[in-house]
Amino acid sequence: FKCTKLTNKAVRYLALNNSMKNIKLSKCNLTDEAANLLSNHENIQSISLRSCGLTDNAAKALALCEKLEYVDLSGCDLTNKTVEYLIRYSLK
């Protein structure tokens, strides 16, 4: 099922809670702005935004999360640039 009522507005509030380490928002009605909001989150280790319609720009933003170990963007509108961003900025 798809959670169409959860939007970037909810992510804005989630991004304020720095104690969360794992975030699962798959199949929500999000845009790349959601990834930008979460990219400032200091403690994210795992994030799933599968089938949210995000693009390479979202992956680029998430790659900046210093503690990110797992990301699931399957079902999103991605290209090879996503892999490049994740390898260059995130994977250590």
C-alpha atoms as a PDB file:
ATOM      1  CA  PHE A   1       0.000   0.000   0.000  1.00  0.00           C
ATOM      2  CA  LYS A   2       1.060   3.602  -0.494  1.00  0.00           C
ATOM      3  CA  CYS A   3       1.115   6.180   2.288  1.00  0.00           C
ATOM      4  CA  THR A   4       0.068   9.197   0.249  1.00  0.00           C
ATOM      5  CA  LYS A   5      -0.815  11.411   3.206  1.00  0.00           C
ATOM      6  CA  LEU A   6       2.700  11.483   4.660  1.00  0.00           C
ATOM      7  CA  THR A   7       4.571  14.312   2.929  1.00  0.00           C
ATOM      8  CA  ASN A   8       7.670  16.494   3.204  1.00  0.00           C
ATOM      9  CA  LYS A   9       5.973  18.366   6.033  1.00  0.00           C
ATOM     10  CA  ALA A  10       6.188  15.261   8.241  1.00  0.00           C
ATOM     11  CA  VAL A  11       9.825  14.740   7.238  1.00  0.00           C
ATOM     12  CA  ARG A  12      10.561  18.291   8.330  1.00  0.00           C
ATOM     13  CA  TYR A  13       9.543  17.287  11.870  1.00  0.00           C
ATOM     14  CA  LEU A  14      11.404  13.974  11.727  1.00  0.00           C
ATOM     15  CA  ALA A  15      14.576  15.775  10.701  1.00  0.00           C
ATOM     16  CA  LEU A  16      14.485  17.706  13.979  1.00  0.00           C
ATOM     17  CA  ASN A  17      14.782  14.510  16.016  1.00  0.00           C
ATOM     18  CA  ASN A  18      18.504  13.752  15.982  1.00  0.00           C
ATOM     19  CA  SER A  19      18.139  10.649  18.150  1.00  0.00           C
ATOM     20  CA  MET A  20      16.619   8.556  15.335  1.00  0.00           C
ATOM     21  CA  LYS A  21      19.066   6.238  13.594  1.00  0.00           C
ATOM     22  CA  ASN A  22      16.761   4.248  11.307  1.00  0.00           C
ATOM     23  CA  ILE A  23      14.117   5.856   9.123  1.00  0.00           C
ATOM     24  CA  LYS A  24      11.634   3.960   6.938  1.00  0.00           C
ATOM     25  CA  LEU A  25       9.365   6.097   4.795  1.00  0.00           C
ATOM     26  CA  SER A  26       8.834   3.826   1.814  1.00  0.00           C
ATOM     27  CA  LYS A  27       5.942   4.476  -0.557  1.00  0.00           C
ATOM     28  CA  CYS A  28       5.242   7.942   0.832  1.00  0.00           C
ATOM     29  CA  ASN A  29       4.354  11.054  -1.113  1.00  0.00           C
ATOM     30  CA  LEU A  30       7.797  12.680  -0.894  1.00  0.00           C
ATOM     31  CA  THR A  31       9.998  14.799  -3.125  1.00  0.00           C
ATOM     32  CA  ASP A  32      13.747  15.371  -3.207  1.00  0.00           C
ATOM     33  CA  GLU A  33      13.188  18.070  -0.587  1.00  0.00           C
ATOM     34  CA  ALA A  34      12.625  15.294   1.968  1.00  0.00           C
ATOM     35  CA  ALA A  35      16.113  13.929   1.321  1.00  0.00           C
ATOM     36  CA  ASN A  36      17.544  17.422   1.617  1.00  0.00           C
ATOM     37  CA  LEU A  37      15.886  17.811   5.009  1.00  0.00           C
ATOM     38  CA  LEU A  38      17.182  14.455   6.219  1.00  0.00           C
ATOM     39  CA  SER A  39      20.701  15.067   4.917  1.00  0.00           C
ATOM     40  CA  ASN A  40      21.322  17.392   7.861  1.00  0.00           C
ATOM     41  CA  HIS A  41      20.368  14.681  10.335  1.00  0.00           C
ATOM     42  CA  GLU A  42      23.483  13.803  12.340  1.00  0.00           C
ATOM     43  CA  ASN A  43      22.743  10.201  13.322  1.00  0.00           C
ATOM     44  CA  ILE A  44      21.009   8.486  10.404  1.00  0.00           C
ATOM     45  CA  GLN A  45      22.558   5.079   9.852  1.00  0.00           C
ATOM     46  CA  SER A  46      19.809   3.456   7.800  1.00  0.00           C
ATOM     47  CA  ILE A  47      17.154   4.970   5.564  1.00  0.00           C
ATOM     48  CA  SER A  48      14.525   3.451   3.310  1.00  0.00           C
ATOM     49  CA  LEU A  49      12.728   5.728   0.863  1.00  0.00           C
ATOM     50  CA  ARG A  50      11.813   3.086  -1.666  1.00  0.00           C
ATOM     51  CA  SER A  51       9.127   3.878  -4.231  1.00  0.00           C
ATOM     52  CA  CYS A  52       8.876   7.530  -3.188  1.00  0.00           C
ATOM     53  CA  GLY A  53       9.603   8.905  -6.676  1.00  0.00           C
ATOM     54  CA  LEU A  54      12.902  10.475  -5.646  1.00  0.00           C
ATOM     55  CA  THR A  55      15.638  11.360  -8.145  1.00  0.00           C
ATOM     56  CA  ASP A  56      19.425  11.471  -8.255  1.00  0.00           C
ATOM     57  CA  ASN A  57      19.305  14.769  -6.365  1.00  0.00           C
ATOM     58  CA  ALA A  58      17.873  12.953  -3.346  1.00  0.00           C
ATOM     59  CA  ALA A  59      20.681  10.403  -3.454  1.00  0.00           C
ATOM     60  CA  LYS A  60      23.248  13.189  -3.659  1.00  0.00           C
ATOM     61  CA  ALA A  61      21.784  14.816  -0.547  1.00  0.00           C
ATOM     62  CA  LEU A  62      21.628  11.556   1.403  1.00  0.00           C
ATOM     63  CA  ALA A  63      25.206  10.707   0.475  1.00  0.00           C
ATOM     64  CA  LEU A  64      26.257  13.595   2.716  1.00  0.00           C
ATOM     65  CA  CYS A  65      24.961  11.819   5.834  1.00  0.00           C
ATOM     66  CA  GLU A  66      28.196  10.971   7.615  1.00  0.00           C
ATOM     67  CA  LYS A  67      26.949   7.888   9.484  1.00  0.00           C
ATOM     68  CA  LEU A  68      24.811   6.430   6.703  1.00  0.00           C
ATOM     69  CA  GLU A  69      25.490   2.710   6.274  1.00  0.00           C
ATOM     70  CA  TYR A  70      22.351   1.552   4.440  1.00  0.00           C
ATOM     71  CA  VAL A  71      20.117   3.289   1.930  1.00  0.00           C
ATOM     72  CA  ASP A  72      17.184   1.839  -0.022  1.00  0.00           C
ATOM     73  CA  LEU A  73      16.002   3.945  -2.938  1.00  0.00           C
ATOM     74  CA  SER A  74      14.662   1.083  -5.035  1.00  0.00           C
ATOM     75  CA  GLY A  75      11.644   1.962  -7.099  1.00  0.00           C
ATOM     76  CA  CYS A  76      12.758   5.594  -7.373  1.00  0.00           C
ATOM     77  CA  ASP A  77      13.623   7.479 -10.571  1.00  0.00           C
ATOM     78  CA  LEU A  78      17.409   7.028 -10.417  1.00  0.00           C
ATOM     79  CA  THR A  79      20.271   6.865 -12.884  1.00  0.00           C
ATOM     80  CA  ASN A  80      23.920   5.832 -12.687  1.00  0.00           C
ATOM     81  CA  LYS A  81      24.619   9.194 -11.016  1.00  0.00           C
ATOM     82  CA  THR A  82      23.115   7.821  -7.801  1.00  0.00           C
ATOM     83  CA  VAL A  83      25.747   5.110  -7.573  1.00  0.00           C
ATOM     84  CA  GLU A  84      28.447   7.683  -8.272  1.00  0.00           C
ATOM     85  CA  TYR A  85      27.189   9.969  -5.490  1.00  0.00           C
ATOM     86  CA  LEU A  86      26.933   7.184  -2.942  1.00  0.00           C
ATOM     87  CA  ILE A  87      30.389   5.855  -3.689  1.00  0.00           C
ATOM     88  CA  ARG A  88      32.053   9.248  -3.816  1.00  0.00           C
ATOM     89  CA  TYR A  89      30.475  10.819  -0.746  1.00  0.00           C
ATOM     90  CA  SER A  90      29.118   8.157   1.520  1.00  0.00           C
ATOM     91  CA  LEU A  91      30.726   4.757   1.305  1.00  0.00           C
ATOM     92  CA  LYS A  92      33.877   4.499   3.336  1.00  0.00           C
END
